[in-house]
Amino acid sequence: MEKDSFKEENEALGYRIRELRENYVHEKISQEELSYKTGNAKKTIGEIERGNTNPTYETLLKISMMLDLTINQLFDFDMPTYIRLSQEYKERKKKK
């Protein structure tokens, strides 16, 4: 069976970006600040972090540069682990 959607993978990438943004080396960066510095709407950053959109390469490159990362470092994570983490995060958010 061929997979026609990458929802879980998008959510994992979004979780990774949220994690990096919130644990940025210099100081925590808000979605608003990240959106301003990357030229994207705050809503777009939120949609990326929730895995509700397929960000362009250019957007991902801007995000990685803003976080002082290479694009390779942005994608350097264990996909199954981050799929699980993103699902756990969603469950915690539902309970609040």
Protein backbone atom coordinates (compact mmCIF):
# COMPACT_ATOMS: atom_id res chain seq x y z
CA MET A 1 0.00 0.00 0.00
CA GLU A 2 1.47 3.32 -1.07
CA LYS A 3 1.34 6.24 1.31
CA ASP A 4 -0.34 9.28 -0.25
CA SER A 5 0.22 11.69 2.62
CA PHE A 6 3.17 12.63 4.75
CA LYS A 7 1.11 13.94 7.66
CA GLU A 8 3.11 12.10 10.33
CA GLU A 9 6.42 13.14 8.79
CA ASN A 10 5.27 16.77 8.53
CA GLU A 11 4.21 16.67 12.18
CA ALA A 12 7.60 15.20 13.15
CA LEU A 13 9.44 17.94 11.25
CA GLY A 14 7.21 20.55 12.86
CA TYR A 15 7.96 19.13 16.29
CA ARG A 16 11.68 19.27 15.46
CA ILE A 17 11.43 22.94 14.43
CA ARG A 18 9.41 23.82 17.55
CA GLU A 19 11.96 22.03 19.72
CA LEU A 20 14.89 23.84 18.09
CA ARG A 21 13.11 27.22 18.30
CA GLU A 22 12.26 26.77 21.98
CA ASN A 23 15.76 25.57 22.86
CA TYR A 24 17.70 27.98 20.66
CA VAL A 25 21.29 28.43 21.81
CA HIS A 26 21.07 32.17 22.43
CA GLU A 27 17.53 32.46 23.80
CA LYS A 28 14.08 31.07 23.15
CA ILE A 29 12.63 32.46 19.92
CA SER A 30 8.90 33.08 19.64
CA GLN A 31 6.90 32.10 16.59
CA GLU A 32 6.35 35.80 15.98
CA GLU A 33 10.09 36.55 15.99
CA LEU A 34 10.87 33.56 13.79
CA SER A 35 8.15 34.59 11.35
CA TYR A 36 9.46 38.17 11.22
CA LYS A 37 13.07 37.11 10.67
CA THR A 38 12.20 34.55 7.99
CA GLY A 39 9.65 36.72 6.19
CA ASN A 40 6.78 34.32 6.85
CA ALA A 41 3.47 34.95 8.57
CA LYS A 42 3.22 33.82 12.20
CA LYS A 43 0.32 31.61 11.08
CA THR A 44 2.63 29.91 8.58
CA ILE A 45 5.20 29.10 11.27
CA GLY A 46 2.40 27.68 13.44
CA GLU A 47 1.09 25.59 10.55
CA ILE A 48 4.60 24.22 9.91
CA GLU A 49 5.07 23.37 13.59
CA ARG A 50 1.71 21.57 13.68
CA GLY A 51 2.54 19.65 10.51
CA ASN A 52 -0.41 21.12 8.62
CA THR A 53 1.55 22.31 5.60
CA ASN A 54 4.38 21.30 3.30
CA PRO A 55 6.95 24.08 3.72
CA THR A 56 9.09 25.00 0.75
CA TYR A 57 12.80 24.34 0.72
CA GLU A 58 13.38 28.09 0.83
CA THR A 59 11.25 28.42 3.98
CA LEU A 60 13.08 25.54 5.67
CA LEU A 61 16.41 27.03 4.66
CA LYS A 62 15.44 30.40 6.17
CA ILE A 63 14.30 28.72 9.39
CA SER A 64 17.52 26.73 9.67
CA MET A 65 19.63 29.83 9.03
CA MET A 66 17.71 31.80 11.67
CA LEU A 67 18.41 29.01 14.16
CA ASP A 68 22.13 28.97 13.22
CA LEU A 69 21.81 25.51 11.69
CA THR A 70 22.57 24.01 8.33
CA ILE A 71 19.67 22.44 6.48
CA ASN A 72 21.33 19.08 7.17
CA GLN A 73 21.26 19.76 10.91
CA LEU A 74 17.58 20.69 10.70
CA PHE A 75 16.84 17.27 9.19
CA ASP A 76 19.26 15.36 11.43
CA PHE A 77 16.73 13.56 13.62
CA ASP A 78 15.26 10.10 14.02
CA MET A 79 11.94 10.17 12.16
CA PRO A 80 10.17 7.38 14.13
CA THR A 81 11.14 9.00 17.43
CA TYR A 82 9.91 12.42 16.34
CA ILE A 83 6.66 10.98 14.97
CA ARG A 84 6.07 9.52 18.44
CA LEU A 85 7.08 12.76 20.18
CA SER A 86 4.81 14.85 17.97
CA GLN A 87 1.87 12.51 18.66
CA GLU A 88 2.52 12.69 22.42
CA TYR A 89 2.70 16.48 22.19
CA LYS A 90 -0.66 16.61 20.40
CA GLU A 91 -2.22 14.40 23.07
CA ARG A 92 -0.90 16.65 25.86
CA LYS A 93 -2.28 19.72 24.08
CA LYS A 94 -5.73 18.06 23.78
CA LYS A 95 -5.83 17.41 27.53
CA LYS A 96 -5.23 21.07 28.40
